[in-house]
Amino acid sequence: MNDELILKNRIRVARAERNISQGELAKMVGVSRQTISSIETGAFNPTAKLALVLCIALEKKFEELFYFD
């Protein structure tokens, strides 16, 4: 496996499609708004559990929200 792979996400786009703020999404999944911001910017990678909860909250498949670059 390539150690240079970087996990990216499309959470900001998915939020915009549903007209959900960072704060609203944070409440839906049980984390802080700052955590959502950090995930969106790539400063923090979510745990597998949080990633799946985000998928459920945003009604997206895992591969629609997360990808390697």
C-alpha atoms as a PDB file:
ATOM      1  CA  MET A   1       0.000   0.000   0.000  1.00  0.00           C
ATOM      2  CA  ASN A   2       1.258   3.453  -0.829  1.00  0.00           C
ATOM      3  CA  ASP A   3       2.062   5.446   2.331  1.00  0.00           C
ATOM      4  CA  GLU A   4       1.580   8.657   0.346  1.00  0.00           C
ATOM      5  CA  LEU A   5      -2.200   8.183   0.038  1.00  0.00           C
ATOM      6  CA  ILE A   6      -4.159  10.990   1.647  1.00  0.00           C
ATOM      7  CA  LEU A   7      -7.762  10.520   2.730  1.00  0.00           C
ATOM      8  CA  LYS A   8      -9.933  13.273   1.283  1.00  0.00           C
ATOM      9  CA  ASN A   9     -13.644  13.900   1.623  1.00  0.00           C
ATOM     10  CA  ARG A  10     -16.611  15.601   0.037  1.00  0.00           C
ATOM     11  CA  ILE A  11     -18.420  16.417   3.275  1.00  0.00           C
ATOM     12  CA  ARG A  12     -18.622  20.160   2.570  1.00  0.00           C
ATOM     13  CA  VAL A  13     -20.294  19.466  -0.802  1.00  0.00           C
ATOM     14  CA  ALA A  14     -22.679  16.928   0.731  1.00  0.00           C
ATOM     15  CA  ARG A  15     -23.622  19.418   3.463  1.00  0.00           C
ATOM     16  CA  ALA A  16     -24.290  22.108   0.878  1.00  0.00           C
ATOM     17  CA  GLU A  17     -26.512  19.752  -1.121  1.00  0.00           C
ATOM     18  CA  ARG A  18     -28.659  19.249   1.980  1.00  0.00           C
ATOM     19  CA  ASN A  19     -28.329  22.851   3.229  1.00  0.00           C
ATOM     20  CA  ILE A  20     -26.829  21.719   6.558  1.00  0.00           C
ATOM     21  CA  SER A  21     -24.364  23.865   8.522  1.00  0.00           C
ATOM     22  CA  GLN A  22     -21.253  22.472  10.194  1.00  0.00           C
ATOM     23  CA  GLY A  23     -22.948  22.999  13.548  1.00  0.00           C
ATOM     24  CA  GLU A  24     -26.086  21.152  12.505  1.00  0.00           C
ATOM     25  CA  LEU A  25     -24.092  18.206  11.163  1.00  0.00           C
ATOM     26  CA  ALA A  26     -21.991  18.163  14.321  1.00  0.00           C
ATOM     27  CA  LYS A  27     -25.127  17.875  16.471  1.00  0.00           C
ATOM     28  CA  MET A  28     -26.501  15.123  14.232  1.00  0.00           C
ATOM     29  CA  VAL A  29     -23.382  12.965  14.671  1.00  0.00           C
ATOM     30  CA  GLY A  30     -22.409  13.907  18.234  1.00  0.00           C
ATOM     31  CA  VAL A  31     -19.194  15.860  17.722  1.00  0.00           C
ATOM     32  CA  SER A  32     -18.181  19.523  17.868  1.00  0.00           C
ATOM     33  CA  ARG A  33     -18.440  21.950  14.970  1.00  0.00           C
ATOM     34  CA  GLN A  34     -14.656  22.245  15.123  1.00  0.00           C
ATOM     35  CA  THR A  35     -14.349  18.495  14.526  1.00  0.00           C
ATOM     36  CA  ILE A  36     -16.474  18.755  11.379  1.00  0.00           C
ATOM     37  CA  SER A  37     -14.340  21.697  10.213  1.00  0.00           C
ATOM     38  CA  SER A  38     -11.130  19.739  10.871  1.00  0.00           C
ATOM     39  CA  ILE A  39     -12.432  16.730   8.941  1.00  0.00           C
ATOM     40  CA  GLU A  40     -13.511  18.892   6.002  1.00  0.00           C
ATOM     41  CA  THR A  41     -10.109  20.585   5.762  1.00  0.00           C
ATOM     42  CA  GLY A  42      -8.214  17.304   6.114  1.00  0.00           C
ATOM     43  CA  ALA A  43      -6.596  18.280   9.408  1.00  0.00           C
ATOM     44  CA  PHE A  44      -8.284  15.297  11.103  1.00  0.00           C
ATOM     45  CA  ASN A  45      -9.245  11.877   9.780  1.00  0.00           C
ATOM     46  CA  PRO A  46     -12.428  10.506  11.349  1.00  0.00           C
ATOM     47  CA  THR A  47     -12.556   7.101  12.954  1.00  0.00           C
ATOM     48  CA  ALA A  48     -14.292   4.398  10.934  1.00  0.00           C
ATOM     49  CA  LYS A  49     -17.326   4.714  13.208  1.00  0.00           C
ATOM     50  CA  LEU A  50     -17.562   8.503  12.783  1.00  0.00           C
ATOM     51  CA  ALA A  51     -17.061   8.205   9.024  1.00  0.00           C
ATOM     52  CA  LEU A  52     -19.976   5.769   8.794  1.00  0.00           C
ATOM     53  CA  VAL A  53     -22.169   7.955  11.020  1.00  0.00           C
ATOM     54  CA  LEU A  54     -21.395  10.910   8.738  1.00  0.00           C
ATOM     55  CA  CYS A  55     -22.435   8.804   5.735  1.00  0.00           C
ATOM     56  CA  ILE A  56     -25.732   7.969   7.409  1.00  0.00           C
ATOM     57  CA  ALA A  57     -26.364  11.590   8.432  1.00  0.00           C
ATOM     58  CA  LEU A  58     -25.630  12.868   4.930  1.00  0.00           C
ATOM     59  CA  GLU A  59     -27.380   9.956   3.210  1.00  0.00           C
ATOM     60  CA  LYS A  60     -24.299   9.073   1.166  1.00  0.00           C
ATOM     61  CA  LYS A  61     -22.333   5.899   0.564  1.00  0.00           C
ATOM     62  CA  PHE A  62     -18.849   5.776   2.056  1.00  0.00           C
ATOM     63  CA  GLU A  63     -17.194   5.998  -1.360  1.00  0.00           C
ATOM     64  CA  GLU A  64     -19.297   9.063  -2.199  1.00  0.00           C
ATOM     65  CA  LEU A  65     -17.894  10.965   0.800  1.00  0.00           C
ATOM     66  CA  PHE A  66     -14.359   9.619   1.207  1.00  0.00           C
ATOM     67  CA  TYR A  67     -11.607   8.925  -1.311  1.00  0.00           C
ATOM     68  CA  PHE A  68      -7.822   8.696  -1.531  1.00  0.00           C
ATOM     69  CA  ASP A  69      -5.786  11.252  -3.398  1.00  0.00           C
END
